[in-house]
PDB file of N, CA and C in Angstrom:
ATOM      1  N   MET A   1     106.803 110.948 117.622  1.00  0.00           N
ATOM      2  CA  MET A   1     107.130 109.381 117.577  1.00  0.00           C
ATOM      3  C   MET A   1     106.003 108.720 116.821  1.00  0.00           C
ATOM      4  N   PRO A   2     106.565 108.190 115.676  1.00  0.00           N
ATOM      5  CA  PRO A   2     105.432 107.325 114.662  1.00  0.00           C
ATOM      6  C   PRO A   2     104.787 106.276 115.518  1.00  0.00           C
ATOM      7  N   MET A   3     103.640 106.005 115.006  1.00  0.00           N
ATOM      8  CA  MET A   3     102.906 104.784 115.469  1.00  0.00           C
ATOM      9  C   MET A   3     103.227 103.542 114.940  1.00  0.00           C
ATOM     10  N   ASP A   4     103.325 102.399 115.588  1.00  0.00           N
ATOM     11  CA  ASP A   4     103.624 101.044 115.033  1.00  0.00           C
ATOM     12  C   ASP A   4     102.265 100.542 114.435  1.00  0.00           C
ATOM     13  N   ALA A   5     102.561  99.806 113.290  1.00  0.00           N
ATOM     14  CA  ALA A   5     101.465  99.243 112.654  1.00  0.00           C
ATOM     15  C   ALA A   5     100.508  98.282 113.627  1.00  0.00           C
ATOM     16  N   ARG A   6     101.230  97.699 114.305  1.00  0.00           N
ATOM     17  CA  ARG A   6     100.640  96.672 115.510  1.00  0.00           C
ATOM     18  C   ARG A   6      99.844  97.472 116.554  1.00  0.00           C
ATOM     19  N   GLU A   7     100.198  98.671 116.786  1.00  0.00           N
ATOM     20  CA  GLU A   7      99.495  99.484 117.794  1.00  0.00           C
ATOM     21  C   GLU A   7      98.162 100.047 117.074  1.00  0.00           C
ATOM     22  N   ILE A   8      98.245 100.361 115.806  1.00  0.00           N
ATOM     23  CA  ILE A   8      97.028 100.843 115.160  1.00  0.00           C
ATOM     24  C   ILE A   8      96.003  99.633 114.920  1.00  0.00           C
ATOM     25  N   GLU A   9      96.549  98.484 114.776  1.00  0.00           N
ATOM     26  CA  GLU A   9      95.696  97.367 114.664  1.00  0.00           C
ATOM     27  C   GLU A   9      95.033  96.969 115.956  1.00  0.00           C
ATOM     28  N   THR A  10      95.834  96.990 116.934  1.00  0.00           N
ATOM     29  CA  THR A  10      95.147  96.599 118.308  1.00  0.00           C
ATOM     30  C   THR A  10      94.170  97.722 118.683  1.00  0.00           C
ATOM     31  N   MET A  11      94.402  98.983 118.473  1.00  0.00           N
ATOM     32  CA  MET A  11      93.399  99.849 118.774  1.00  0.00           C
ATOM     33  C   MET A  11      92.110  99.639 117.979  1.00  0.00           C
ATOM     34  N   ILE A  12      92.288  99.294 116.719  1.00  0.00           N
ATOM     35  CA  ILE A  12      90.958  99.096 115.850  1.00  0.00           C
ATOM     36  C   ILE A  12      90.429  97.886 116.397  1.00  0.00           C
ATOM     37  N   ARG A  13      91.026  96.885 116.816  1.00  0.00           N
ATOM     38  CA  ARG A  13      90.360  95.540 117.214  1.00  0.00           C
ATOM     39  C   ARG A  13      89.714  95.830 118.575  1.00  0.00           C
ATOM     40  N   GLU A  14      90.400  96.633 119.360  1.00  0.00           N
ATOM     41  CA  GLU A  14      89.733  96.828 120.738  1.00  0.00           C
ATOM     42  C   GLU A  14      88.295  97.494 120.617  1.00  0.00           C
ATOM     43  N   ALA A  15      88.102  98.324 119.569  1.00  0.00           N
ATOM     44  CA  ALA A  15      86.826  98.952 119.357  1.00  0.00           C
ATOM     45  C   ALA A  15      86.043  98.148 118.588  1.00  0.00           C
ATOM     46  N   LEU A  16      86.545  97.205 117.551  1.00  0.00           N
ATOM     47  CA  LEU A  16      85.672  96.574 116.802  1.00  0.00           C
ATOM     48  C   LEU A  16      86.171  94.999 116.863  1.00  0.00           C
ATOM     49  N   PRO A  17      85.781  94.392 117.795  1.00  0.00           N
ATOM     50  CA  PRO A  17      86.532  93.156 118.211  1.00  0.00           C
ATOM     51  C   PRO A  17      86.256  92.141 117.030  1.00  0.00           C
ATOM     52  N   ASP A  18      85.241  92.052 116.235  1.00  0.00           N
ATOM     53  CA  ASP A  18      85.033  91.252 115.152  1.00  0.00           C
ATOM     54  C   ASP A  18      85.639  91.503 113.771  1.00  0.00           C
ATOM     55  N   ALA A  19      86.682  92.578 113.833  1.00  0.00           N
ATOM     56  CA  ALA A  19      87.079  93.196 112.526  1.00  0.00           C
ATOM     57  C   ALA A  19      88.223  92.243 112.074  1.00  0.00           C
ATOM     58  N   THR A  20      88.248  92.446 110.677  1.00  0.00           N
ATOM     59  CA  THR A  20      89.485  91.782 110.113  1.00  0.00           C
ATOM     60  C   THR A  20      90.283  93.064 109.584  1.00  0.00           C
ATOM     61  N   VAL A  21      91.477  93.042 110.286  1.00  0.00           N
ATOM     62  CA  VAL A  21      92.141  94.384 109.996  1.00  0.00           C
ATOM     63  C   VAL A  21      93.651  93.991 109.285  1.00  0.00           C
ATOM     64  N   GLU A  22      93.899  94.803 108.247  1.00  0.00           N
ATOM     65  CA  GLU A  22      95.089  94.639 107.660  1.00  0.00           C
ATOM     66  C   GLU A  22      95.692  96.190 107.440  1.00  0.00           C
ATOM     67  N   ILE A  23      97.014  96.357 107.933  1.00  0.00           N
ATOM     68  CA  ILE A  23      97.710  97.467 107.997  1.00  0.00           C
ATOM     69  C   ILE A  23      98.774  97.492 107.118  1.00  0.00           C
ATOM     70  N   ARG A  24      99.008  98.450 106.160  1.00  0.00           N
ATOM     71  CA  ARG A  24     100.306  98.394 105.324  1.00  0.00           C
ATOM     72  C   ARG A  24     101.052  99.925 105.648  1.00  0.00           C
ATOM     73  N   ASP A  25     102.398  99.762 105.765  1.00  0.00           N
ATOM     74  CA  ASP A  25     102.977 101.105 106.014  1.00  0.00           C
ATOM     75  C   ASP A  25     103.621 101.519 104.485  1.00  0.00           C
ATOM     76  N   LEU A  26     102.867 102.600 104.031  1.00  0.00           N
ATOM     77  CA  LEU A  26     102.856 102.930 102.697  1.00  0.00           C
ATOM     78  C   LEU A  26     104.303 103.610 102.324  1.00  0.00           C
ATOM     79  N   ALA A  27     105.027 104.165 103.329  1.00  0.00           N
ATOM     80  CA  ALA A  27     106.304 105.008 102.920  1.00  0.00           C
ATOM     81  C   ALA A  27     107.352 104.381 103.788  1.00  0.00           C
ATOM     82  N   GLY A  28     107.132 103.446 104.697  1.00  0.00           N
ATOM     83  CA  GLY A  28     108.267 102.775 105.496  1.00  0.00           C
ATOM     84  C   GLY A  28     108.625 103.848 106.700  1.00  0.00           C
ATOM     85  N   ASP A  29     107.844 104.924 106.860  1.00  0.00           N
ATOM     86  CA  ASP A  29     108.454 105.768 107.756  1.00  0.00           C
ATOM     87  C   ASP A  29     107.509 105.756 109.018  1.00  0.00           C
ATOM     88  N   GLY A  30     106.630 104.915 109.173  1.00  0.00           N
ATOM     89  CA  GLY A  30     105.658 104.858 110.318  1.00  0.00           C
ATOM     90  C   GLY A  30     104.686 105.881 110.587  1.00  0.00           C
ATOM     91  N   ASP A  31     104.622 106.734 109.409  1.00  0.00           N
ATOM     92  CA  ASP A  31     103.577 107.943 109.583  1.00  0.00           C
ATOM     93  C   ASP A  31     102.581 107.816 108.518  1.00  0.00           C
ATOM     94  N   HIS A  32     102.703 107.013 107.245  1.00  0.00           N
ATOM     95  CA  HIS A  32     101.663 106.903 106.300  1.00  0.00           C
ATOM     96  C   HIS A  32     101.388 105.350 106.137  1.00  0.00           C
ATOM     97  N   TYR A  33     100.289 105.201 106.697  1.00  0.00           N
ATOM     98  CA  TYR A  33      99.448 103.852 106.497  1.00  0.00           C
ATOM     99  C   TYR A  33      98.333 103.881 105.632  1.00  0.00           C
ATOM    100  N   ALA A  34      98.165 102.545 105.075  1.00  0.00           N
ATOM    101  CA  ALA A  34      96.757 102.243 104.547  1.00  0.00           C
ATOM    102  C   ALA A  34      96.380 101.029 105.411  1.00  0.00           C
ATOM    103  N   ALA A  35      94.829 101.114 105.546  1.00  0.00           N
ATOM    104  CA  ALA A  35      94.108 100.040 106.436  1.00  0.00           C
ATOM    105  C   ALA A  35      92.932  99.632 105.770  1.00  0.00           C
ATOM    106  N   THR A  36      92.898  98.323 105.788  1.00  0.00           N
ATOM    107  CA  THR A  36      91.536  97.717 105.247  1.00  0.00           C
ATOM    108  C   THR A  36      90.881  97.082 106.609  1.00  0.00           C
ATOM    109  N   VAL A  37      89.747  97.540 106.773  1.00  0.00           N
ATOM    110  CA  VAL A  37      88.924  96.896 108.106  1.00  0.00           C
ATOM    111  C   VAL A  37      87.759  96.626 107.644  1.00  0.00           C
ATOM    112  N   VAL A  38      87.265  95.186 107.974  1.00  0.00           N
ATOM    113  CA  VAL A  38      85.992  94.665 107.665  1.00  0.00           C
ATOM    114  C   VAL A  38      85.363  94.222 108.910  1.00  0.00           C
ATOM    115  N   SER A  39      84.155  94.767 109.247  1.00  0.00           N
ATOM    116  CA  SER A  39      83.483  94.447 110.406  1.00  0.00           C
ATOM    117  C   SER A  39      82.013  94.520 110.108  1.00  0.00           C
ATOM    118  N   ALA A  40      81.279  93.417 110.720  1.00  0.00           N
ATOM    119  CA  ALA A  40      79.901  93.445 110.805  1.00  0.00           C
ATOM    120  C   ALA A  40      79.245  94.777 111.452  1.00  0.00           C
ATOM    121  N   ALA A  41      79.943  95.330 112.278  1.00  0.00           N
ATOM    122  CA  ALA A  41      79.549  96.548 113.035  1.00  0.00           C
ATOM    123  C   ALA A  41      79.280  97.786 112.085  1.00  0.00           C
ATOM    124  N   PHE A  42      79.829  97.430 110.690  1.00  0.00           N
ATOM    125  CA  PHE A  42      79.666  98.481 109.636  1.00  0.00           C
ATOM    126  C   PHE A  42      78.283  98.440 108.947  1.00  0.00           C
ATOM    127  N   LYS A  43      77.796  97.209 109.159  1.00  0.00           N
ATOM    128  CA  LYS A  43      76.360  97.127 108.308  1.00  0.00           C
ATOM    129  C   LYS A  43      75.423  98.216 108.637  1.00  0.00           C
ATOM    130  N   GLY A  44      74.836  98.663 107.419  1.00  0.00           N
ATOM    131  CA  GLY A  44      73.951  99.855 107.550  1.00  0.00           C
ATOM    132  C   GLY A  44      74.263 101.066 107.726  1.00  0.00           C
ATOM    133  N   LYS A  45      75.702 101.120 107.742  1.00  0.00           N
ATOM    134  CA  LYS A  45      76.495 102.422 108.103  1.00  0.00           C
ATOM    135  C   LYS A  45      77.066 102.968 106.618  1.00  0.00           C
ATOM    136  N   SER A  46      77.125 104.348 106.420  1.00  0.00           N
ATOM    137  CA  SER A  46      77.515 105.044 105.306  1.00  0.00           C
ATOM    138  C   SER A  46      79.056 104.806 105.355  1.00  0.00           C
ATOM    139  N   ARG A  47      79.762 104.930 104.338  1.00  0.00           N
ATOM    140  CA  ARG A  47      81.191 104.953 104.203  1.00  0.00           C
ATOM    141  C   ARG A  47      81.797 105.883 105.186  1.00  0.00           C
ATOM    142  N   VAL A  48      81.217 107.030 105.358  1.00  0.00           N
ATOM    143  CA  VAL A  48      81.692 108.099 106.089  1.00  0.00           C
ATOM    144  C   VAL A  48      81.650 107.606 107.632  1.00  0.00           C
ATOM    145  N   GLN A  49      80.472 107.189 107.971  1.00  0.00           N
ATOM    146  CA  GLN A  49      80.368 106.601 109.316  1.00  0.00           C
ATOM    147  C   GLN A  49      81.149 105.609 109.653  1.00  0.00           C
ATOM    148  N   GLN A  50      81.404 104.526 108.643  1.00  0.00           N
ATOM    149  CA  GLN A  50      82.474 103.633 108.828  1.00  0.00           C
ATOM    150  C   GLN A  50      83.842 104.107 109.271  1.00  0.00           C
ATOM    151  N   HIS A  51      84.098 105.072 108.458  1.00  0.00           N
ATOM    152  CA  HIS A  51      85.436 105.637 108.573  1.00  0.00           C
ATOM    153  C   HIS A  51      85.545 106.486 109.885  1.00  0.00           C
ATOM    154  N   GLN A  52      84.467 107.097 110.397  1.00  0.00           N
ATOM    155  CA  GLN A  52      84.398 107.730 111.635  1.00  0.00           C
ATOM    156  C   GLN A  52      84.650 106.767 112.739  1.00  0.00           C
ATOM    157  N   MET A  53      84.046 105.773 112.598  1.00  0.00           N
ATOM    158  CA  MET A  53      84.172 104.406 113.564  1.00  0.00           C
ATOM    159  C   MET A  53      85.638 104.150 113.831  1.00  0.00           C
ATOM    160  N   VAL A  54      86.368 104.037 112.537  1.00  0.00           N
ATOM    161  CA  VAL A  54      87.739 103.593 112.677  1.00  0.00           C
ATOM    162  C   VAL A  54      88.496 104.844 113.413  1.00  0.00           C
ATOM    163  N   TYR A  55      88.397 106.012 112.909  1.00  0.00           N
ATOM    164  CA  TYR A  55      88.961 107.156 113.433  1.00  0.00           C
ATOM    165  C   TYR A  55      88.810 107.358 115.006  1.00  0.00           C
ATOM    166  N   GLY A  56      87.511 106.937 115.530  1.00  0.00           N
ATOM    167  CA  GLY A  56      87.120 106.901 116.844  1.00  0.00           C
ATOM    168  C   GLY A  56      88.079 106.164 117.654  1.00  0.00           C
ATOM    169  N   ALA A  57      88.237 104.793 116.913  1.00  0.00           N
ATOM    170  CA  ALA A  57      88.886 103.826 117.698  1.00  0.00           C
ATOM    171  C   ALA A  57      90.506 104.170 117.868  1.00  0.00           C
ATOM    172  N   LEU A  58      90.976 105.248 117.049  1.00  0.00           N
ATOM    173  CA  LEU A  58      92.425 105.786 117.199  1.00  0.00           C
ATOM    174  C   LEU A  58      92.379 106.814 118.193  1.00  0.00           C
ATOM    175  N   GLN A  59      91.403 107.219 118.911  1.00  0.00           N
ATOM    176  CA  GLN A  59      91.362 107.820 120.091  1.00  0.00           C
ATOM    177  C   GLN A  59      92.064 109.264 119.776  1.00  0.00           C
ATOM    178  N   GLY A  60      91.897 110.018 118.735  1.00  0.00           N
ATOM    179  CA  GLY A  60      92.447 111.238 118.516  1.00  0.00           C
ATOM    180  C   GLY A  60      93.984 111.398 117.964  1.00  0.00           C
ATOM    181  N   ARG A  61      94.379 110.167 117.549  1.00  0.00           N
ATOM    182  CA  ARG A  61      95.901 110.097 117.100  1.00  0.00           C
ATOM    183  C   ARG A  61      96.084 110.461 115.664  1.00  0.00           C
ATOM    184  N   MET A  62      94.820 110.464 115.033  1.00  0.00           N
ATOM    185  CA  MET A  62      94.884 110.910 113.596  1.00  0.00           C
ATOM    186  C   MET A  62      95.345 112.233 113.301  1.00  0.00           C
ATOM    187  N   GLY A  63      96.310 112.476 112.484  1.00  0.00           N
ATOM    188  CA  GLY A  63      96.589 113.980 112.405  1.00  0.00           C
ATOM    189  C   GLY A  63      97.721 114.442 113.368  1.00  0.00           C
ATOM    190  N   GLY A  64      98.091 113.787 114.394  1.00  0.00           N
ATOM    191  CA  GLY A  64      98.975 113.855 115.304  1.00  0.00           C
ATOM    192  C   GLY A  64     100.214 112.935 115.091  1.00  0.00           C
ATOM    193  N   VAL A  65     100.053 111.999 116.241  1.00  0.00           N
ATOM    194  CA  VAL A  65     101.123 110.850 116.038  1.00  0.00           C
ATOM    195  C   VAL A  65     100.749 110.116 114.824  1.00  0.00           C
ATOM    196  N   LEU A  66      99.737 109.848 114.416  1.00  0.00           N
ATOM    197  CA  LEU A  66      99.545 109.295 112.948  1.00  0.00           C
ATOM    198  C   LEU A  66      99.265 110.296 111.886  1.00  0.00           C
ATOM    199  N   HIS A  67     100.129 110.498 111.214  1.00  0.00           N
ATOM    200  CA  HIS A  67      99.867 111.546 110.158  1.00  0.00           C
ATOM    201  C   HIS A  67      98.865 111.191 108.995  1.00  0.00           C
ATOM    202  N   ALA A  68      98.941 109.885 108.492  1.00  0.00           N
ATOM    203  CA  ALA A  68      97.999 109.766 107.208  1.00  0.00           C
ATOM    204  C   ALA A  68      97.644 108.363 107.341  1.00  0.00           C
ATOM    205  N   LEU A  69      96.308 108.109 107.138  1.00  0.00           N
ATOM    206  CA  LEU A  69      95.754 106.594 107.167  1.00  0.00           C
ATOM    207  C   LEU A  69      94.796 106.565 105.985  1.00  0.00           C
ATOM    208  N   ALA A  70      95.115 105.965 104.972  1.00  0.00           N
ATOM    209  CA  ALA A  70      94.208 105.534 103.924  1.00  0.00           C
ATOM    210  C   ALA A  70      93.331 104.498 104.161  1.00  0.00           C
ATOM    211  N   LEU A  71      91.932 104.647 104.369  1.00  0.00           N
ATOM    212  CA  LEU A  71      91.151 103.701 104.712  1.00  0.00           C
ATOM    213  C   LEU A  71      90.176 102.994 103.678  1.00  0.00           C
ATOM    214  N   THR A  72      90.178 101.744 103.772  1.00  0.00           N
ATOM    215  CA  THR A  72      89.085 100.878 103.077  1.00  0.00           C
ATOM    216  C   THR A  72      88.422 100.245 104.092  1.00  0.00           C
ATOM    217  N   THR A  73      87.014 100.405 104.124  1.00  0.00           N
ATOM    218  CA  THR A  73      86.223  99.513 105.113  1.00  0.00           C
ATOM    219  C   THR A  73      85.061  98.893 104.278  1.00  0.00           C
ATOM    220  N   GLY A  74      84.421  97.926 105.023  1.00  0.00           N
ATOM    221  CA  GLY A  74      83.407  97.051 104.399  1.00  0.00           C
ATOM    222  C   GLY A  74      82.760  96.131 105.514  1.00  0.00           C
ATOM    223  N   VAL A  75      81.859  95.559 105.027  1.00  0.00           N
ATOM    224  CA  VAL A  75      81.208  94.528 105.825  1.00  0.00           C
ATOM    225  C   VAL A  75      81.520  93.029 105.286  1.00  0.00           C
ATOM    226  N   PRO A  76      81.490  92.038 106.174  1.00  0.00           N
ATOM    227  CA  PRO A  76      81.788  90.746 105.831  1.00  0.00           C
ATOM    228  C   PRO A  76      81.002  90.307 104.541  1.00  0.00           C
ATOM    229  N   GLN A  77      81.461  89.569 103.674  1.00  0.00           N
ATOM    230  CA  GLN A  77      80.380  89.073 102.618  1.00  0.00           C
ATOM    231  C   GLN A  77      80.092  87.473 103.099  1.00  0.00           C
ATOM    232  N   ASP A  78      78.830  87.371 103.117  1.00  0.00           N
ATOM    233  CA  ASP A  78      78.161  86.125 103.667  1.00  0.00           C
ATOM    234  C   ASP A  78      78.196  85.074 102.590  1.00  0.00           C
TER     235      ASP A  78
END
C-alpha cells in the first residue's frame, strides 16, 4: 500500500518540528515522491547526514512502503 504525502510530511515534522516540508508526488502513484525539507537541525551537518536524518524520520519505510524519495535539504536562510 503506497504512502500518502501527508503521512510523509507528518513523520518528517514529528522528527524535525521546525522543518518546512514540501512533498510532491512525482508519478501520481503514491510511490515516487520528491521532498524539500528545510530545518535548523541541519546546520553544521553534511548533505548525507541531513538526508539520513530525514530517512530516519521515515522509520524504515524507505525502500518498502515508500519506493522512492528524491530529497532536497537545507538550512533556513537568515
